[in-house]
Protein backbone atom coordinates (compact mmCIF):
# COMPACT_ATOMS: atom_id res chain seq x y z
CA MET A 1 79.85 -86.57 139.39
CA PRO A 2 80.93 -86.16 135.76
CA MET A 3 84.61 -86.10 134.93
CA LYS A 4 86.06 -82.85 133.61
CA THR A 5 88.55 -82.59 130.81
CA ASP A 6 90.38 -79.65 129.29
CA VAL A 7 89.26 -80.43 125.76
CA ASP A 8 86.26 -78.76 124.15
CA LYS A 9 84.30 -81.13 121.93
CA GLN A 10 84.37 -78.83 118.89
CA ASP A 11 87.43 -76.64 118.84
CA TYR A 12 89.87 -78.07 121.38
CA SER A 13 89.63 -74.90 123.47
CA ASP A 14 90.89 -74.75 127.03
CA GLU A 15 87.39 -74.72 128.50
CA PRO A 16 86.68 -77.89 130.50
CA VAL A 17 83.69 -80.00 129.54
CA GLU A 18 81.92 -82.48 131.77
CA LEU A 19 81.88 -86.07 130.62
CA PRO A 20 79.26 -88.56 131.70
CA ILE A 21 80.88 -91.47 133.52
CA ASN A 22 78.83 -94.33 132.08
CA GLY A 23 81.50 -96.64 130.66
CA ILE A 24 81.26 -95.34 127.09
CA LEU A 25 83.73 -92.76 125.85
CA ASP A 26 83.71 -91.49 122.26
CA LEU A 27 87.25 -90.38 121.54
CA HIS A 28 86.40 -88.63 118.26
CA THR A 29 85.84 -85.41 120.15
CA PHE A 30 89.27 -85.29 121.79
CA HIS A 31 92.69 -84.24 120.64
CA PRO A 32 94.98 -87.29 120.37
CA SER A 33 97.61 -85.64 122.58
CA ASP A 34 95.11 -85.70 125.46
CA LEU A 35 94.68 -89.49 125.50
CA GLY A 36 97.62 -90.09 127.84
CA ASP A 37 95.75 -88.40 130.68
CA LEU A 38 92.18 -88.90 129.48
CA ILE A 39 92.13 -92.71 129.26
CA PRO A 40 93.66 -93.40 132.71
CA ASP A 41 91.52 -90.67 134.32
CA TYR A 42 88.36 -92.07 132.73
CA ILE A 43 89.23 -95.59 133.88
CA GLU A 44 89.73 -94.33 137.45
CA ALA A 45 86.43 -92.41 137.32
CA CYS A 46 84.64 -95.58 136.16
CA LEU A 47 86.22 -97.63 138.94
CA GLU A 48 84.97 -95.08 141.49
CA LYS A 49 81.44 -95.66 140.14
CA ASP A 50 81.85 -99.48 140.12
CA ILE A 51 81.78 -99.60 136.32
CA TYR A 52 83.93 -102.51 135.15
CA SER A 53 82.93 -102.85 131.47
CA LEU A 54 83.98 -99.98 129.21
CA ARG A 55 83.71 -99.07 125.54
CA PHE A 56 86.19 -96.70 123.96
CA ILE A 57 85.01 -95.55 120.54
CA HIS A 58 88.04 -94.64 118.46
CA GLY A 59 86.78 -95.17 114.94
CA LYS A 60 88.22 -97.30 112.19
CA GLY A 61 90.39 -94.94 110.13
CA ARG A 62 94.07 -95.84 109.87
CA GLY A 63 94.21 -97.37 113.35
CA VAL A 64 96.45 -94.75 114.93
CA LEU A 65 93.97 -93.85 117.66
CA ARG A 66 93.15 -97.53 118.28
CA ARG A 67 96.82 -98.39 118.75
CA SER A 68 97.28 -95.48 121.14
CA VAL A 69 94.28 -96.60 123.20
CA HIS A 70 95.54 -100.19 123.31
CA ALA A 71 99.01 -99.08 124.41
CA LEU A 72 97.49 -97.12 127.29
CA LEU A 73 95.28 -100.05 128.25
CA ASP A 74 98.30 -102.37 128.26
CA ARG A 75 99.92 -100.18 130.91
CA HIS A 76 96.93 -99.65 133.19
CA PRO A 77 96.96 -101.99 136.22
CA ALA A 78 93.15 -102.15 136.51
CA VAL A 79 92.65 -103.42 132.95
CA SER A 80 92.19 -107.18 133.03
CA GLY A 81 91.53 -107.45 129.29
CA TYR A 82 90.26 -105.80 126.15
CA SER A 83 89.14 -106.68 122.64
CA LEU A 84 87.72 -105.08 119.57
CA ALA A 85 83.94 -104.85 119.63
CA GLY A 86 82.10 -107.81 118.12
CA ASP A 87 79.04 -105.76 117.15
CA ARG A 88 78.53 -103.54 114.11
CA SER A 89 81.19 -101.09 115.31
CA SER A 90 83.75 -103.95 115.10
CA TRP A 91 87.26 -102.55 115.01
CA GLY A 92 85.97 -99.00 115.53
CA ALA A 93 85.57 -99.60 119.27
CA THR A 94 87.47 -101.38 122.00
CA LEU A 95 85.69 -103.18 124.84
CA VAL A 96 87.55 -103.17 128.14
CA THR A 97 87.14 -105.26 131.27
CA LEU A 98 88.42 -103.80 134.50
CA SER A 99 89.36 -105.79 137.56
CA ARG A 100 87.95 -104.80 140.90
CA LYS A 101 91.46 -104.75 142.36
CA PRO A 102 94.34 -103.39 140.27
CA ASN A 103 96.72 -106.11 139.12
CA SER A 104 100.15 -105.99 137.58
CA GLY A 105 101.49 -107.19 134.28
CA SER A 106 100.56 -106.39 130.73
CA ARG A 107 97.60 -107.68 128.87
CA GLN A 108 97.23 -108.68 125.27
CA PRO A 109 94.28 -107.71 123.10
CA GLY A 110 91.73 -110.48 123.28
């Protein structure tokens, strides 16, 4: 079942859109103020589908979105680690590994 969010991909309207839960989330289409709920909700939706490797695409830009994503990942108990992508997207995407059982403590970018 796809996850629903309150952010429209084009105009940030209040109409919910369904997101595929496949471990890849392109954050370019979301308003930055929605990340605080979006990232944890997406992680939980992935865990429900037994998806433990995620990719958050935040773009390169000035790094504001990347830092916000990393701060949220640091606080999520199911995140066992994360790093910038090593492929052509490099620092435009963050790869995340989830643990099967939530753990405590903060993680550092790997």
